Amino acid sequence: MKSIYKKIIFIISAIALFSVIVGVVKYSLTYIENNPEKYLPTQK
């Protein structure tokens, strides 16, 4: 019975961690797109 709880907790924590990483990546990409001159080399 306890092993089932451990599996559920592990799955929930893994999903939470994955969603946090995805959110950070999406936020970073939108921030870089909004401020391209800071991160991307200027093409002249």
PDB file of N, CA and C in Angstrom:
ATOM      1  N   MET A   1       0.835  -1.207   0.000  1.00  0.00           N
ATOM      2  CA  MET A   1       0.000   0.000   0.000  1.00  0.00           C
ATOM      3  C   MET A   1       0.873   1.261   0.000  1.00  0.00           C
ATOM      4  N   LYS A   2       1.937   1.233   0.798  1.00  0.00           N
ATOM      5  CA  LYS A   2       2.782   2.428   0.867  1.00  0.00           C
ATOM      6  C   LYS A   2       3.531   2.655  -0.432  1.00  0.00           C
ATOM      7  N   SER A   3       3.892   1.566  -1.120  1.00  0.00           N
ATOM      8  CA  SER A   3       4.629   1.733  -2.377  1.00  0.00           C
ATOM      9  C   SER A   3       3.764   2.436  -3.421  1.00  0.00           C
ATOM     10  N   ILE A   4       2.451   2.202  -3.388  1.00  0.00           N
ATOM     11  CA  ILE A   4       1.549   2.885  -4.324  1.00  0.00           C
ATOM     12  C   ILE A   4       1.561   4.388  -4.040  1.00  0.00           C
ATOM     13  N   TYR A   5       1.527   4.753  -2.753  1.00  0.00           N
ATOM     14  CA  TYR A   5       1.573   6.171  -2.406  1.00  0.00           C
ATOM     15  C   TYR A   5       2.884   6.791  -2.862  1.00  0.00           C
ATOM     16  N   LYS A   6       3.984   6.060  -2.692  1.00  0.00           N
ATOM     17  CA  LYS A   6       5.284   6.582  -3.128  1.00  0.00           C
ATOM     18  C   LYS A   6       5.291   6.801  -4.630  1.00  0.00           C
ATOM     19  N   LYS A   7       4.711   5.868  -5.384  1.00  0.00           N
ATOM     20  CA  LYS A   7       4.662   6.024  -6.844  1.00  0.00           C
ATOM     21  C   LYS A   7       3.829   7.239  -7.220  1.00  0.00           C
ATOM     22  N   ILE A   8       2.675   7.409  -6.563  1.00  0.00           N
ATOM     23  CA  ILE A   8       1.802   8.546  -6.881  1.00  0.00           C
ATOM     24  C   ILE A   8       2.526   9.854  -6.580  1.00  0.00           C
ATOM     25  N   ILE A   9       3.183   9.922  -5.422  1.00  0.00           N
ATOM     26  CA  ILE A   9       3.899  11.144  -5.046  1.00  0.00           C
ATOM     27  C   ILE A   9       5.026  11.412  -6.042  1.00  0.00           C
ATOM     28  N   PHE A  10       5.741  10.350  -6.447  1.00  0.00           N
ATOM     29  CA  PHE A  10       6.841  10.515  -7.408  1.00  0.00           C
ATOM     30  C   PHE A  10       6.319  11.033  -8.743  1.00  0.00           C
ATOM     31  N   ILE A  11       5.199  10.476  -9.206  1.00  0.00           N
ATOM     32  CA  ILE A  11       4.633  10.907 -10.494  1.00  0.00           C
ATOM     33  C   ILE A  11       4.179  12.363 -10.412  1.00  0.00           C
ATOM     34  N   ILE A  12       3.513  12.728  -9.314  1.00  0.00           N
ATOM     35  CA  ILE A  12       3.024  14.105  -9.166  1.00  0.00           C
ATOM     36  C   ILE A  12       4.197  15.081  -9.129  1.00  0.00           C
ATOM     37  N   SER A  13       5.247  14.728  -8.366  1.00  0.00           N
ATOM     38  CA  SER A  13       6.400  15.632  -8.269  1.00  0.00           C
ATOM     39  C   SER A  13       7.109  15.736  -9.612  1.00  0.00           C
ATOM     40  N   ALA A  14       7.173  14.627 -10.359  1.00  0.00           N
ATOM     41  CA  ALA A  14       7.819  14.664 -11.675  1.00  0.00           C
ATOM     42  C   ALA A  14       7.037  15.562 -12.628  1.00  0.00           C
ATOM     43  N   ILE A  15       5.706  15.451 -12.608  1.00  0.00           N
ATOM     44  CA  ILE A  15       4.871  16.290 -13.477  1.00  0.00           C
ATOM     45  C   ILE A  15       5.024  17.763 -13.084  1.00  0.00           C
ATOM     46  N   ALA A  16       5.054  18.043 -11.786  1.00  0.00           N
ATOM     47  CA  ALA A  16       5.204  19.425 -11.328  1.00  0.00           C
ATOM     48  C   ALA A  16       6.550  19.986 -11.773  1.00  0.00           C
ATOM     49  N   LEU A  17       7.606  19.195 -11.607  1.00  0.00           N
ATOM     50  CA  LEU A  17       8.943  19.644 -12.009  1.00  0.00           C
ATOM     51  C   LEU A  17       8.990  19.899 -13.513  1.00  0.00           C
ATOM     52  N   PHE A  18       8.416  18.985 -14.285  1.00  0.00           N
ATOM     53  CA  PHE A  18       8.408  19.126 -15.747  1.00  0.00           C
ATOM     54  C   PHE A  18       7.640  20.380 -16.163  1.00  0.00           C
ATOM     55  N   SER A  19       6.488  20.626 -15.533  1.00  0.00           N
ATOM     56  CA  SER A  19       5.688  21.791 -15.904  1.00  0.00           C
ATOM     57  C   SER A  19       6.417  23.080 -15.541  1.00  0.00           C
ATOM     58  N   VAL A  20       7.147  23.068 -14.415  1.00  0.00           N
ATOM     59  CA  VAL A  20       7.918  24.256 -14.027  1.00  0.00           C
ATOM     60  C   VAL A  20       9.008  24.525 -15.061  1.00  0.00           C
ATOM     61  N   ILE A  21       9.704  23.463 -15.486  1.00  0.00           N
ATOM     62  CA  ILE A  21      10.774  23.633 -16.481  1.00  0.00           C
ATOM     63  C   ILE A  21      10.197  24.161 -17.790  1.00  0.00           C
ATOM     64  N   VAL A  22       9.063  23.596 -18.225  1.00  0.00           N
ATOM     65  CA  VAL A  22       8.438  24.043 -19.476  1.00  0.00           C
ATOM     66  C   VAL A  22       8.022  25.509 -19.361  1.00  0.00           C
ATOM     67  N   GLY A  23       7.462  25.889 -18.222  1.00  0.00           N
ATOM     68  CA  GLY A  23       7.052  27.272 -18.025  1.00  0.00           C
ATOM     69  C   GLY A  23       8.233  28.226 -18.079  1.00  0.00           C
ATOM     70  N   VAL A  24       9.347  27.834 -17.457  1.00  0.00           N
ATOM     71  CA  VAL A  24      10.541  28.687 -17.464  1.00  0.00           C
ATOM     72  C   VAL A  24      11.079  28.836 -18.882  1.00  0.00           C
ATOM     73  N   VAL A  25      11.092  27.730 -19.628  1.00  0.00           N
ATOM     74  CA  VAL A  25      11.600  27.782 -21.007  1.00  0.00           C
ATOM     75  C   VAL A  25      10.712  28.681 -21.865  1.00  0.00           C
ATOM     76  N   LYS A  26       9.403  28.527 -21.741  1.00  0.00           N
ATOM     77  CA  LYS A  26       8.486  29.359 -22.527  1.00  0.00           C
ATOM     78  C   LYS A  26       8.652  30.832 -22.156  1.00  0.00           C
ATOM     79  N   TYR A  27       8.773  31.129 -20.858  1.00  0.00           N
ATOM     80  CA  TYR A  27       8.949  32.512 -20.415  1.00  0.00           C
ATOM     81  C   TYR A  27      10.248  33.085 -20.968  1.00  0.00           C
ATOM     82  N   SER A  28      11.319  32.282 -20.921  1.00  0.00           N
ATOM     83  CA  SER A  28      12.610  32.750 -21.431  1.00  0.00           C
ATOM     84  C   SER A  28      12.522  33.040 -22.927  1.00  0.00           C
ATOM     85  N   LEU A  29      11.860  32.141 -23.671  1.00  0.00           N
ATOM     86  CA  LEU A  29      11.762  32.338 -25.121  1.00  0.00           C
ATOM     87  C   LEU A  29      10.971  33.599 -25.444  1.00  0.00           C
ATOM     88  N   THR A  30       9.867  33.837 -24.756  1.00  0.00           N
ATOM     89  CA  THR A  30       9.075  35.034 -25.037  1.00  0.00           C
ATOM     90  C   THR A  30       9.856  36.283 -24.638  1.00  0.00           C
ATOM     91  N   TYR A  31      10.623  36.203 -23.538  1.00  0.00           N
ATOM     92  CA  TYR A  31      11.407  37.359 -23.100  1.00  0.00           C
ATOM     93  C   TYR A  31      12.490  37.684 -24.123  1.00  0.00           C
ATOM     94  N   ILE A  32      13.156  36.637 -24.646  1.00  0.00           N
ATOM     95  CA  ILE A  32      14.200  36.857 -25.657  1.00  0.00           C
ATOM     96  C   ILE A  32      13.578  37.416 -26.937  1.00  0.00           C
ATOM     97  N   GLU A  33      12.398  36.942 -27.298  1.00  0.00           N
ATOM     98  CA  GLU A  33      11.741  37.462 -28.497  1.00  0.00           C
ATOM     99  C   GLU A  33      11.355  38.926 -28.318  1.00  0.00           C
ATOM    100  N   ASN A  34      10.990  39.307 -27.094  1.00  0.00           N
ATOM    101  CA  ASN A  34      10.598  40.693 -26.852  1.00  0.00           C
ATOM    102  C   ASN A  34      11.818  41.606 -26.763  1.00  0.00           C
ATOM    103  N   ASN A  35      12.974  41.050 -26.361  1.00  0.00           N
ATOM    104  CA  ASN A  35      14.198  41.849 -26.241  1.00  0.00           C
ATOM    105  C   ASN A  35      15.327  41.188 -27.033  1.00  0.00           C
ATOM    106  N   PRO A  36      15.228  41.176 -28.353  1.00  0.00           N
ATOM    107  CA  PRO A  36      16.223  40.412 -29.132  1.00  0.00           C
ATOM    108  C   PRO A  36      17.592  41.075 -29.148  1.00  0.00           C
ATOM    109  N   GLU A  37      17.644  42.394 -29.004  1.00  0.00           N
ATOM    110  CA  GLU A  37      18.937  43.074 -29.114  1.00  0.00           C
ATOM    111  C   GLU A  37      19.850  42.736 -27.934  1.00  0.00           C
ATOM    112  N   LYS A  38      19.267  42.279 -26.824  1.00  0.00           N
ATOM    113  CA  LYS A  38      20.097  41.945 -25.660  1.00  0.00           C
ATOM    114  C   LYS A  38      20.773  40.587 -25.817  1.00  0.00           C
ATOM    115  N   TYR A  39      20.108  39.651 -26.470  1.00  0.00           N
ATOM    116  CA  TYR A  39      20.591  38.261 -26.471  1.00  0.00           C
ATOM    117  C   TYR A  39      21.068  37.812 -27.850  1.00  0.00           C
ATOM    118  N   LEU A  40      20.354  38.238 -28.903  1.00  0.00           N
ATOM    119  CA  LEU A  40      20.726  37.793 -30.242  1.00  0.00           C
ATOM    120  C   LEU A  40      21.643  38.828 -30.886  1.00  0.00           C
ATOM    121  N   PRO A  41      22.678  38.371 -31.582  1.00  0.00           N
ATOM    122  CA  PRO A  41      23.578  39.328 -32.257  1.00  0.00           C
ATOM    123  C   PRO A  41      22.834  40.098 -33.341  1.00  0.00           C
ATOM    124  N   THR A  42      23.096  41.390 -33.407  1.00  0.00           N
ATOM    125  CA  THR A  42      22.382  42.238 -34.363  1.00  0.00           C
ATOM    126  C   THR A  42      22.880  41.947 -35.768  1.00  0.00           C
ATOM    127  N   GLN A  43      21.935  41.779 -36.677  1.00  0.00           N
ATOM    128  CA  GLN A  43      22.289  41.513 -38.075  1.00  0.00           C
ATOM    129  C   GLN A  43      22.177  42.817 -38.859  1.00  0.00           C
ATOM    130  N   LYS A  44      23.315  43.315 -39.322  1.00  0.00           N
ATOM    131  CA  LYS A  44      23.310  44.579 -40.061  1.00  0.00           C
ATOM    132  C   LYS A  44      23.636  44.326 -41.522  1.00  0.00           C
TER     133      LYS A  44
END
